[in-house]
Amino acid sequence: MKKNDPYTRDDQTRFTMRINTELLEKIRADAEKNKRSTAKQIEYVLEQYILSLPNE
C-alpha cells in the first residue's frame, strides 16, 4: 500500500489523528518510561487492546 511516501515502510500505513492534549501528555510520559516514541506507545496500547478482545 505504498502511496509515494519514501518514509513509510511497505508494512506500515501513515495515519494522522487529533487527540486530547492531556491524554497525549499522559501517553508521552508513559512512552518515556518505556523508552518508546509517542507513536510507538500509541501503537503498543492499541495492540494490547486488540489482543485483549475476545476472539470472534
Protein backbone atom coordinates (compact mmCIF):
# COMPACT_ATOMS: atom_id res chain seq x y z
CA MET A 1 0.00 0.00 0.00
CA LYS A 2 2.73 2.41 -0.98
CA LYS A 3 1.49 5.90 -1.83
CA ASN A 4 4.75 7.50 -2.98
CA ASP A 5 5.86 8.01 0.62
CA PRO A 6 9.59 7.28 0.89
CA TYR A 7 9.50 7.44 4.70
CA THR A 8 6.88 4.76 5.33
CA ARG A 9 7.80 1.08 5.10
CA ASP A 10 5.69 -1.21 2.94
CA ASP A 11 4.25 -2.92 6.05
CA GLN A 12 3.10 0.38 7.56
CA THR A 13 0.42 2.97 6.82
CA ARG A 14 0.74 6.64 7.69
CA PHE A 15 -2.20 7.80 9.82
CA THR A 16 -2.98 11.25 11.22
CA MET A 17 -5.32 11.84 14.15
CA ARG A 18 -6.44 14.51 16.57
CA ILE A 19 -6.08 13.67 20.25
CA ASN A 20 -6.90 15.40 23.52
CA THR A 21 -3.83 17.31 24.74
CA GLU A 22 -3.99 15.98 28.30
CA LEU A 23 -4.28 12.40 27.04
CA LEU A 24 -1.33 12.90 24.70
CA GLU A 25 0.81 14.23 27.56
CA LYS A 26 -0.01 11.12 29.62
CA ILE A 27 0.90 8.90 26.68
CA ARG A 28 4.16 10.82 26.18
CA ALA A 29 5.08 10.36 29.83
CA ASP A 30 4.30 6.64 29.66
CA ALA A 31 6.27 6.32 26.42
CA GLU A 32 9.29 7.94 28.04
CA LYS A 33 9.12 5.50 30.97
CA ASN A 34 9.04 2.62 28.49
CA LYS A 35 11.77 4.10 26.26
CA ARG A 36 9.41 4.29 23.28
CA SER A 37 8.42 7.11 20.98
CA THR A 38 4.94 8.51 21.50
CA ALA A 39 3.81 6.94 18.21
CA LYS A 40 5.16 3.51 19.21
CA GLN A 41 3.49 3.83 22.62
CA ILE A 42 0.14 4.52 20.95
CA GLU A 43 0.71 1.53 18.64
CA TYR A 44 1.60 -0.67 21.65
CA VAL A 45 -1.50 0.39 23.60
CA LEU A 46 -3.72 -0.29 20.59
CA GLU A 47 -2.13 -3.71 20.03
CA GLN A 48 -2.64 -4.64 23.69
CA TYR A 49 -6.27 -3.56 23.48
CA ILE A 50 -6.88 -5.62 20.33
CA LEU A 51 -5.22 -8.66 21.91
CA SER A 52 -7.47 -8.32 24.96
CA LEU A 53 -10.64 -8.54 22.87
CA PRO A 54 -12.40 -11.90 22.77
CA ASN A 55 -11.69 -13.89 19.61
CA GLU A 56 -14.54 -13.96 17.15
